[in-house]
C-alpha atoms as a PDB file:
ATOM      1  CA  MET A   1       0.000   0.000   0.000  1.00  0.00           C
ATOM      2  CA  ILE A   2       1.324   3.411  -0.967  1.00  0.00           C
ATOM      3  CA  LYS A   3       1.203   5.852   1.929  1.00  0.00           C
ATOM      4  CA  ARG A   4       1.483   9.622   1.988  1.00  0.00           C
ATOM      5  CA  ILE A   5       2.440  11.927   4.830  1.00  0.00           C
ATOM      6  CA  ILE A   6      -0.126  14.070   6.629  1.00  0.00           C
ATOM      7  CA  PRO A   7       1.992  17.242   6.714  1.00  0.00           C
ATOM      8  CA  SER A   8       0.680  18.611  10.013  1.00  0.00           C
ATOM      9  CA  SER A   9       1.691  15.500  11.964  1.00  0.00           C
ATOM     10  CA  GLY A  10       3.988  13.304   9.892  1.00  0.00           C
ATOM     11  CA  GLU A  11       1.544  10.398  10.204  1.00  0.00           C
ATOM     12  CA  LEU A  12       1.373   8.153   7.155  1.00  0.00           C
ATOM     13  CA  LEU A  13      -1.998   7.624   5.497  1.00  0.00           C
ATOM     14  CA  PRO A  14      -2.786   4.964   2.848  1.00  0.00           C
ATOM     15  CA  VAL A  15      -3.481   6.624  -0.493  1.00  0.00           C
ATOM     16  CA  ILE A  16      -6.704   4.696  -1.154  1.00  0.00           C
ATOM     17  CA  GLY A  17      -9.710   5.185   1.107  1.00  0.00           C
ATOM     18  CA  LEU A  18     -13.466   4.737   0.897  1.00  0.00           C
ATOM     19  CA  GLY A  19     -16.301   7.200   0.404  1.00  0.00           C
ATOM     20  CA  THR A  20     -19.806   6.384   1.639  1.00  0.00           C
ATOM     21  CA  TRP A  21     -22.062   8.810  -0.267  1.00  0.00           C
ATOM     22  CA  GLN A  22     -25.156   6.791  -1.328  1.00  0.00           C
ATOM     23  CA  THR A  23     -23.347   3.436  -1.053  1.00  0.00           C
ATOM     24  CA  PHE A  24     -23.685   3.167   2.743  1.00  0.00           C
ATOM     25  CA  ASP A  25     -27.149   4.720   2.980  1.00  0.00           C
ATOM     26  CA  VAL A  26     -28.766   1.289   3.223  1.00  0.00           C
ATOM     27  CA  ASP A  27     -30.694  -0.972   5.582  1.00  0.00           C
ATOM     28  CA  ALA A  28     -29.349  -4.001   7.418  1.00  0.00           C
ATOM     29  CA  SER A  29     -29.982  -6.337   4.474  1.00  0.00           C
ATOM     30  CA  ALA A  30     -26.952  -4.844   2.710  1.00  0.00           C
ATOM     31  CA  PHE A  31     -24.585  -5.004   5.681  1.00  0.00           C
ATOM     32  CA  SER A  32     -22.922  -8.259   4.621  1.00  0.00           C
ATOM     33  CA  GLY A  33     -21.648  -6.843   1.330  1.00  0.00           C
ATOM     34  CA  LEU A  34     -20.472  -3.623   2.959  1.00  0.00           C
ATOM     35  CA  LYS A  35     -18.612  -5.582   5.626  1.00  0.00           C
ATOM     36  CA  GLN A  36     -16.823  -7.417   2.816  1.00  0.00           C
ATOM     37  CA  VAL A  37     -15.861  -4.071   1.274  1.00  0.00           C
ATOM     38  CA  LEU A  38     -14.395  -2.893   4.581  1.00  0.00           C
ATOM     39  CA  THR A  39     -12.632  -6.215   5.129  1.00  0.00           C
ATOM     40  CA  VAL A  40     -11.093  -6.147   1.660  1.00  0.00           C
ATOM     41  CA  MET A  41      -9.814  -2.611   2.057  1.00  0.00           C
ATOM     42  CA  HIS A  42      -8.403  -3.183   5.540  1.00  0.00           C
ATOM     43  CA  THR A  43      -6.700  -6.420   4.494  1.00  0.00           C
ATOM     44  CA  ALA A  44      -4.987  -4.493   1.696  1.00  0.00           C
ATOM     45  CA  GLY A  45      -3.814  -1.819   4.124  1.00  0.00           C
ATOM     46  CA  ALA A  46      -6.336   0.922   3.285  1.00  0.00           C
ATOM     47  CA  THR A  47      -7.884   2.655   6.283  1.00  0.00           C
ATOM     48  CA  LEU A  48      -9.740   5.939   5.678  1.00  0.00           C
ATOM     49  CA  VAL A  49     -13.560   5.805   5.663  1.00  0.00           C
ATOM     50  CA  ASP A  50     -15.239   9.136   4.910  1.00  0.00           C
ATOM     51  CA  SER A  51     -18.866   9.945   5.773  1.00  0.00           C
ATOM     52  CA  SER A  52     -21.189  12.855   6.597  1.00  0.00           C
ATOM     53  CA  PRO A  53     -24.542  13.629   8.229  1.00  0.00           C
ATOM     54  CA  MET A  54     -25.617  14.549   4.682  1.00  0.00           C
ATOM     55  CA  TYR A  55     -25.257  10.904   3.623  1.00  0.00           C
ATOM     56  CA  GLY A  56     -28.463   9.590   5.170  1.00  0.00           C
ATOM     57  CA  ARG A  57     -27.802   6.472   7.258  1.00  0.00           C
ATOM     58  CA  SER A  58     -24.165   6.161   6.230  1.00  0.00           C
ATOM     59  CA  GLU A  59     -22.590   7.216   9.532  1.00  0.00           C
ATOM     60  CA  GLN A  60     -24.798   4.821  11.480  1.00  0.00           C
ATOM     61  CA  VAL A  61     -24.080   2.001   9.042  1.00  0.00           C
ATOM     62  CA  VAL A  62     -20.318   2.563   9.272  1.00  0.00           C
ATOM     63  CA  GLY A  63     -20.560   2.474  13.052  1.00  0.00           C
ATOM     64  CA  ASP A  64     -22.809  -0.578  13.201  1.00  0.00           C
ATOM     65  CA  ILE A  65     -20.681  -2.633  10.818  1.00  0.00           C
ATOM     66  CA  THR A  66     -17.247  -1.722  12.147  1.00  0.00           C
ATOM     67  CA  ALA A  67     -18.371  -2.236  15.762  1.00  0.00           C
ATOM     68  CA  GLY A  68     -18.432  -5.978  15.107  1.00  0.00           C
ATOM     69  CA  MET A  69     -15.133  -6.153  13.247  1.00  0.00           C
ATOM     70  CA  PRO A  70     -11.831  -7.141  14.909  1.00  0.00           C
ATOM     71  CA  ALA A  71     -10.188  -4.352  12.903  1.00  0.00           C
ATOM     72  CA  ARG A  72     -12.629  -1.657  14.100  1.00  0.00           C
ATOM     73  CA  ASN A  73      -9.816   0.446  15.590  1.00  0.00           C
ATOM     74  CA  GLY A  74      -7.644  -0.026  12.533  1.00  0.00           C
ATOM     75  CA  PHE A  75      -9.680   2.359  10.391  1.00  0.00           C
ATOM     76  CA  PHE A  76      -9.222   6.101  10.013  1.00  0.00           C
ATOM     77  CA  TYR A  77     -12.685   7.574  10.587  1.00  0.00           C
ATOM     78  CA  ALA A  78     -13.623  10.845   8.897  1.00  0.00           C
ATOM     79  CA  THR A  79     -16.925  12.677   8.927  1.00  0.00           C
ATOM     80  CA  LYS A  80     -18.245  16.216   8.688  1.00  0.00           C
ATOM     81  CA  VAL A  81     -20.358  18.951  10.222  1.00  0.00           C
ATOM     82  CA  TRP A  82     -23.103  20.091   7.859  1.00  0.00           C
ATOM     83  CA  THR A  83     -25.367  22.641   9.492  1.00  0.00           C
ATOM     84  CA  THR A  84     -25.472  26.291  10.538  1.00  0.00           C
ATOM     85  CA  GLY A  85     -24.978  27.719  14.022  1.00  0.00           C
ATOM     86  CA  LEU A  86     -22.514  26.817  16.758  1.00  0.00           C
ATOM     87  CA  GLN A  87     -24.834  24.827  18.997  1.00  0.00           C
ATOM     88  CA  GLU A  88     -26.411  22.976  16.085  1.00  0.00           C
ATOM     89  CA  GLY A  89     -22.926  22.103  14.890  1.00  0.00           C
ATOM     90  CA  ILE A  90     -21.880  20.770  18.296  1.00  0.00           C
ATOM     91  CA  LYS A  91     -25.100  18.755  18.522  1.00  0.00           C
ATOM     92  CA  GLN A  92     -24.598  17.296  15.058  1.00  0.00           C
ATOM     93  CA  MET A  93     -20.956  16.394  15.629  1.00  0.00           C
ATOM     94  CA  LYS A  94     -21.774  14.637  18.888  1.00  0.00           C
ATOM     95  CA  ALA A  95     -24.508  12.697  17.079  1.00  0.00           C
ATOM     96  CA  SER A  96     -22.072  11.729  14.317  1.00  0.00           C
ATOM     97  CA  MET A  97     -19.542  10.396  16.810  1.00  0.00           C
ATOM     98  CA  GLN A  98     -22.273   8.423  18.559  1.00  0.00           C
ATOM     99  CA  LYS A  99     -23.501   6.940  15.285  1.00  0.00           C
ATOM    100  CA  MET A 100     -19.992   5.981  14.208  1.00  0.00           C
ATOM    101  CA  GLN A 101     -19.301   4.696  17.738  1.00  0.00           C
ATOM    102  CA  ARG A 102     -16.120   6.718  18.181  1.00  0.00           C
ATOM    103  CA  GLN A 103     -14.869   8.314  21.365  1.00  0.00           C
ATOM    104  CA  THR A 104     -12.302  10.162  19.263  1.00  0.00           C
ATOM    105  CA  MET A 105     -12.879  11.136  15.632  1.00  0.00           C
ATOM    106  CA  ASP A 106      -9.823  10.952  13.399  1.00  0.00           C
ATOM    107  CA  LEU A 107     -10.968  13.745  11.096  1.00  0.00           C
ATOM    108  CA  MET A 108     -13.819  16.233  11.374  1.00  0.00           C
ATOM    109  CA  GLN A 109     -14.435  18.380   8.294  1.00  0.00           C
ATOM    110  CA  ILE A 110     -16.715  21.309   7.521  1.00  0.00           C
ATOM    111  CA  HIS A 111     -18.945  19.982   4.754  1.00  0.00           C
ATOM    112  CA  ASN A 112     -19.118  22.173   1.640  1.00  0.00           C
ATOM    113  CA  LEU A 113     -17.836  25.129   3.703  1.00  0.00           C
ATOM    114  CA  THR A 114     -21.248  25.418   5.408  1.00  0.00           C
ATOM    115  CA  ASP A 115     -20.972  28.175   8.048  1.00  0.00           C
ATOM    116  CA  TRP A 116     -17.260  27.443   8.223  1.00  0.00           C
ATOM    117  CA  LYS A 117     -16.303  30.575  10.136  1.00  0.00           C
ATOM    118  CA  THR A 118     -18.600  29.492  12.973  1.00  0.00           C
ATOM    119  CA  HIS A 119     -17.534  25.851  13.076  1.00  0.00           C
ATOM    120  CA  LEU A 120     -13.777  26.166  12.627  1.00  0.00           C
ATOM    121  CA  PRO A 121     -13.022  27.618  16.090  1.00  0.00           C
ATOM    122  CA  GLN A 122     -15.054  24.804  17.670  1.00  0.00           C
ATOM    123  CA  LEU A 123     -13.185  22.190  15.673  1.00  0.00           C
ATOM    124  CA  ARG A 124      -9.942  23.708  16.932  1.00  0.00           C
ATOM    125  CA  ARG A 125     -11.173  23.560  20.534  1.00  0.00           C
ATOM    126  CA  TRP A 126     -12.104  19.907  20.164  1.00  0.00           C
ATOM    127  CA  LYS A 127      -8.745  19.162  18.577  1.00  0.00           C
ATOM    128  CA  GLU A 128      -6.958  20.772  21.528  1.00  0.00           C
ATOM    129  CA  GLU A 129      -9.114  18.702  23.882  1.00  0.00           C
ATOM    130  CA  GLY A 130      -8.326  15.484  21.988  1.00  0.00           C
ATOM    131  CA  ILE A 131     -11.903  14.850  20.887  1.00  0.00           C
ATOM    132  CA  ILE A 132     -10.831  15.002  17.233  1.00  0.00           C
ATOM    133  CA  ARG A 133      -7.361  14.423  15.824  1.00  0.00           C
ATOM    134  CA  TYR A 134      -7.488  16.403  12.580  1.00  0.00           C
ATOM    135  CA  ILE A 135      -9.665  19.191  11.166  1.00  0.00           C
ATOM    136  CA  GLY A 136     -10.511  20.108   7.586  1.00  0.00           C
ATOM    137  CA  ILE A 137     -12.816  21.691   5.021  1.00  0.00           C
ATOM    138  CA  THR A 138     -14.513  20.245   1.946  1.00  0.00           C
ATOM    139  CA  HIS A 139     -16.307  20.990  -1.281  1.00  0.00           C
ATOM    140  CA  TYR A 140     -17.100  19.113  -4.481  1.00  0.00           C
ATOM    141  CA  THR A 141     -17.222  21.680  -7.312  1.00  0.00           C
ATOM    142  CA  ASP A 142     -14.629  23.480  -9.426  1.00  0.00           C
ATOM    143  CA  ALA A 143     -16.318  26.772  -8.555  1.00  0.00           C
ATOM    144  CA  SER A 144     -15.331  26.284  -4.908  1.00  0.00           C
ATOM    145  CA  HIS A 145     -11.600  25.889  -5.560  1.00  0.00           C
ATOM    146  CA  GLU A 146     -10.765  29.573  -5.372  1.00  0.00           C
ATOM    147  CA  GLU A 147     -12.434  29.925  -1.978  1.00  0.00           C
ATOM    148  CA  LEU A 148     -10.763  26.773  -0.689  1.00  0.00           C
ATOM    149  CA  GLU A 149      -7.405  28.159  -1.777  1.00  0.00           C
ATOM    150  CA  LYS A 150      -8.037  31.447   0.038  1.00  0.00           C
ATOM    151  CA  ILE A 151      -8.943  29.619   3.242  1.00  0.00           C
ATOM    152  CA  LEU A 152      -5.822  27.464   3.013  1.00  0.00           C
ATOM    153  CA  ALA A 153      -3.760  30.641   2.830  1.00  0.00           C
ATOM    154  CA  SER A 154      -5.399  32.228   5.877  1.00  0.00           C
ATOM    155  CA  GLU A 155      -6.307  29.363   8.240  1.00  0.00           C
ATOM    156  CA  LYS A 156      -4.321  26.521   9.771  1.00  0.00           C
ATOM    157  CA  LEU A 157      -5.893  23.241   8.679  1.00  0.00           C
ATOM    158  CA  ASP A 158      -4.896  19.596   8.512  1.00  0.00           C
ATOM    159  CA  PHE A 159      -7.004  18.472   5.519  1.00  0.00           C
ATOM    160  CA  VAL A 160      -8.827  19.838   2.509  1.00  0.00           C
ATOM    161  CA  GLN A 161     -11.202  17.663   0.470  1.00  0.00           C
ATOM    162  CA  PHE A 162     -12.229  18.476  -3.096  1.00  0.00           C
ATOM    163  CA  ASN A 163     -13.115  17.032  -6.502  1.00  0.00           C
ATOM    164  CA  TYR A 164     -10.438  15.895  -8.961  1.00  0.00           C
ATOM    165  CA  SER A 165     -10.307  13.325 -11.742  1.00  0.00           C
ATOM    166  CA  ILE A 166      -8.666  12.659 -15.097  1.00  0.00           C
ATOM    167  CA  ALA A 167     -11.650  14.344 -16.755  1.00  0.00           C
ATOM    168  CA  ALA A 168     -12.048  17.177 -14.220  1.00  0.00           C
ATOM    169  CA  ARG A 169      -8.567  18.600 -13.799  1.00  0.00           C
ATOM    170  CA  HIS A 170      -9.345  22.113 -12.537  1.00  0.00           C
ATOM    171  CA  ALA A 171      -7.571  21.377  -9.231  1.00  0.00           C
ATOM    172  CA  GLU A 172      -4.299  21.045 -11.141  1.00  0.00           C
ATOM    173  CA  LYS A 173      -4.343  24.745 -11.983  1.00  0.00           C
ATOM    174  CA  ARG A 174      -3.769  26.012  -8.442  1.00  0.00           C
ATOM    175  CA  LEU A 175      -5.506  24.141  -5.631  1.00  0.00           C
ATOM    176  CA  LEU A 176      -3.295  21.063  -5.412  1.00  0.00           C
ATOM    177  CA  ASP A 177      -0.157  23.182  -5.353  1.00  0.00           C
ATOM    178  CA  ALA A 178      -1.750  25.558  -2.831  1.00  0.00           C
ATOM    179  CA  ALA A 179      -2.494  22.676  -0.479  1.00  0.00           C
ATOM    180  CA  ALA A 180       1.065  21.412  -0.760  1.00  0.00           C
ATOM    181  CA  ALA A 181       2.471  24.885  -0.124  1.00  0.00           C
ATOM    182  CA  ALA A 182       0.263  25.292   2.942  1.00  0.00           C
ATOM    183  CA  GLY A 183       1.224  21.868   4.324  1.00  0.00           C
ATOM    184  CA  VAL A 184      -2.335  20.550   4.137  1.00  0.00           C
ATOM    185  CA  ALA A 185      -3.246  16.948   3.312  1.00  0.00           C
ATOM    186  CA  THR A 186      -5.690  16.399   0.449  1.00  0.00           C
ATOM    187  CA  LEU A 187      -8.672  14.061   0.157  1.00  0.00           C
ATOM    188  CA  ILE A 188      -9.970  13.589  -3.372  1.00  0.00           C
ATOM    189  CA  ASN A 189     -13.680  13.094  -3.949  1.00  0.00           C
ATOM    190  CA  ARG A 190     -15.508  12.282  -7.196  1.00  0.00           C
ATOM    191  CA  PRO A 191     -12.486  10.475  -8.715  1.00  0.00           C
ATOM    192  CA  PHE A 192     -14.815   8.739 -11.194  1.00  0.00           C
ATOM    193  CA  GLY A 193     -17.072  11.747 -11.771  1.00  0.00           C
ATOM    194  CA  GLU A 194     -19.896   9.898  -9.990  1.00  0.00           C
ATOM    195  CA  GLY A 195     -19.636   7.098 -12.554  1.00  0.00           C
ATOM    196  CA  LYS A 196     -19.516   9.328 -15.630  1.00  0.00           C
ATOM    197  CA  LEU A 197     -15.990   8.171 -16.482  1.00  0.00           C
ATOM    198  CA  PHE A 198     -17.094   4.557 -16.720  1.00  0.00           C
ATOM    199  CA  ALA A 199     -19.980   5.553 -18.968  1.00  0.00           C
ATOM    200  CA  ALA A 200     -17.529   7.403 -21.219  1.00  0.00           C
ATOM    201  CA  ILE A 201     -15.290   4.357 -21.765  1.00  0.00           C
ATOM    202  CA  LYS A 202     -18.039   1.720 -21.878  1.00  0.00           C
ATOM    203  CA  GLY A 203     -17.073  -0.948 -24.389  1.00  0.00           C
ATOM    204  CA  LYS A 204     -13.601   0.513 -24.819  1.00  0.00           C
ATOM    205  CA  ALA A 205     -10.519  -1.593 -24.158  1.00  0.00           C
ATOM    206  CA  LEU A 206      -7.653  -0.350 -22.036  1.00  0.00           C
ATOM    207  CA  PRO A 207      -4.709   1.054 -24.041  1.00  0.00           C
ATOM    208  CA  PRO A 208      -2.177  -1.741 -24.673  1.00  0.00           C
ATOM    209  CA  TRP A 209       0.554   0.228 -22.918  1.00  0.00           C
ATOM    210  CA  ALA A 210      -1.465   0.259 -19.661  1.00  0.00           C
ATOM    211  CA  LYS A 211      -0.011  -3.170 -18.867  1.00  0.00           C
ATOM    212  CA  GLU A 212       3.395  -1.536 -18.533  1.00  0.00           C
ATOM    213  CA  MET A 213       2.064   0.188 -15.412  1.00  0.00           C
ATOM    214  CA  ASP A 214       0.338  -2.984 -14.153  1.00  0.00           C
ATOM    215  CA  ILE A 215      -3.107  -1.585 -14.955  1.00  0.00           C
ATOM    216  CA  ASP A 216      -5.720  -4.225 -15.738  1.00  0.00           C
ATOM    217  CA  ASN A 217      -8.966  -2.304 -15.132  1.00  0.00           C
ATOM    218  CA  TRP A 218     -10.344   1.171 -15.796  1.00  0.00           C
ATOM    219  CA  ALA A 219     -10.795   2.031 -12.117  1.00  0.00           C
ATOM    220  CA  ALA A 220      -7.072   1.528 -11.535  1.00  0.00           C
ATOM    221  CA  PHE A 221      -6.343   3.549 -14.674  1.00  0.00           C
ATOM    222  CA  PHE A 222      -8.370   6.529 -13.437  1.00  0.00           C
ATOM    223  CA  LEU A 223      -7.043   6.297  -9.875  1.00  0.00           C
ATOM    224  CA  LYS A 224      -3.399   5.984 -10.903  1.00  0.00           C
ATOM    225  CA  TYR A 225      -3.706   9.256 -12.770  1.00  0.00           C
ATOM    226  CA  ILE A 226      -4.818  10.964  -9.543  1.00  0.00           C
ATOM    227  CA  ILE A 227      -2.420   9.208  -7.173  1.00  0.00           C
ATOM    228  CA  ALA A 228       0.523  10.105  -9.395  1.00  0.00           C
ATOM    229  CA  HIS A 229       0.103  13.760  -8.451  1.00  0.00           C
ATOM    230  CA  PRO A 230       2.480  14.323  -5.503  1.00  0.00           C
ATOM    231  CA  ALA A 231       0.060  16.662  -3.701  1.00  0.00           C
ATOM    232  CA  VAL A 232      -2.623  13.953  -3.449  1.00  0.00           C
ATOM    233  CA  THR A 233      -2.768  12.337  -0.021  1.00  0.00           C
ATOM    234  CA  CYS A 234      -5.761  10.009  -0.288  1.00  0.00           C
ATOM    235  CA  VAL A 235      -8.481   9.243  -2.847  1.00  0.00           C
ATOM    236  CA  ILE A 236     -11.928   8.183  -1.572  1.00  0.00           C
ATOM    237  CA  PRO A 237     -13.976   6.420  -4.282  1.00  0.00           C
ATOM    238  CA  ALA A 238     -17.316   5.150  -2.989  1.00  0.00           C
ATOM    239  CA  THR A 239     -18.475   1.580  -3.546  1.00  0.00           C
ATOM    240  CA  ARG A 240     -20.668  -1.101  -2.000  1.00  0.00           C
ATOM    241  CA  ASN A 241     -19.166  -3.842  -4.202  1.00  0.00           C
ATOM    242  CA  PRO A 242     -16.177  -5.848  -2.856  1.00  0.00           C
ATOM    243  CA  ALA A 243     -15.010  -6.609  -6.415  1.00  0.00           C
ATOM    244  CA  HIS A 244     -14.966  -2.893  -7.225  1.00  0.00           C
ATOM    245  CA  MET A 245     -13.002  -2.261  -4.032  1.00  0.00           C
ATOM    246  CA  LEU A 246     -10.417  -4.765  -5.261  1.00  0.00           C
ATOM    247  CA  ASP A 247     -10.256  -2.974  -8.624  1.00  0.00           C
ATOM    248  CA  ASN A 248      -9.671   0.325  -6.818  1.00  0.00           C
ATOM    249  CA  LEU A 249      -6.910  -1.174  -4.715  1.00  0.00           C
ATOM    250  CA  LYS A 250      -5.077  -2.388  -7.811  1.00  0.00           C
ATOM    251  CA  SER A 251      -4.236   1.249  -8.504  1.00  0.00           C
ATOM    252  CA  VAL A 252      -1.397   1.020  -5.979  1.00  0.00           C
ATOM    253  CA  GLU A 253       0.228  -1.935  -7.760  1.00  0.00           C
ATOM    254  CA  GLY A 254       3.228  -1.444 -10.033  1.00  0.00           C
ATOM    255  CA  THR A 255       4.576   1.915 -11.116  1.00  0.00           C
ATOM    256  CA  LEU A 256       2.823   5.254 -11.129  1.00  0.00           C
ATOM    257  CA  PRO A 257       2.712   7.263 -14.367  1.00  0.00           C
ATOM    258  CA  ASN A 258       5.163  10.109 -14.859  1.00  0.00           C
ATOM    259  CA  GLU A 259       4.014  13.417 -16.326  1.00  0.00           C
ATOM    260  CA  ALA A 260       4.471  12.246 -19.913  1.00  0.00           C
ATOM    261  CA  ALA A 261       2.436   9.109 -19.214  1.00  0.00           C
ATOM    262  CA  ARG A 262      -0.300  11.145 -17.529  1.00  0.00           C
ATOM    263  CA  LYS A 263      -0.622  13.310 -20.637  1.00  0.00           C
ATOM    264  CA  LYS A 264      -0.853  10.164 -22.732  1.00  0.00           C
ATOM    265  CA  MET A 265      -3.613   8.846 -20.436  1.00  0.00           C
ATOM    266  CA  ILE A 266      -5.617  12.018 -21.077  1.00  0.00           C
ATOM    267  CA  ALA A 267      -5.032  11.903 -24.822  1.00  0.00           C
ATOM    268  CA  ASP A 268      -5.879   8.221 -25.209  1.00  0.00           C
ATOM    269  CA  CYS A 269      -9.146   8.672 -23.326  1.00  0.00           C
ATOM    270  CA  ARG A 270      -9.882  11.992 -25.076  1.00  0.00           C
ATOM    271  CA  PHE A 271     -10.607  13.732 -21.787  1.00  0.00           C
END
């Protein structure tokens, strides 16, 4: 497993994680498959599981499933605050920790910058008290990148989460470099464009040269492009399918593409 440094602490974090948007918003009948997903990722050395109060039952499902796993304390738990007002934020964060069954949250993020100026001081207080280990901010659109960059330049943060993929490369213009310059770890959401990348290559074979980088599936192809950027700390594709989790994990096998190879990946896919 490839690991990247969290700049604010020096802790190493596996470069592949797991998102839970939609995929973990399920009832108990789907728990068996999700437990397999978590088992597969942990066995491979991946640890970060990202959720949010916005994601329906996802936080509760993460907590319920991991509570019965021997590796429950081997995951890196991340969630978010997604409301307005200080007291509402405190109430929501406490509820999230209860649902995920964590006494300490590894990472608490301000979801989509919602009322971030109110929540950030509270996140800092909880970090000082040891209730949370890391703090961060998130968004999922290109239009948010400029604001994220400004906040990185003015506030001390541990993580920033944003969208980035081979077909949506706006973050390459400034945001990735800004995060690196500020010493802030990056979480990458929407690495597959919410499935749009797979629709774009449906029926298309991998380029023959992909084998040179030990790529045998499109998920690994798309993820290797992202992971190859040195400012990327962890990518969090969402899935409820253990086989798809295995495909994602194959992105850390073999060599990563250099800049010339990354340009060729873009050209060959016509993104």
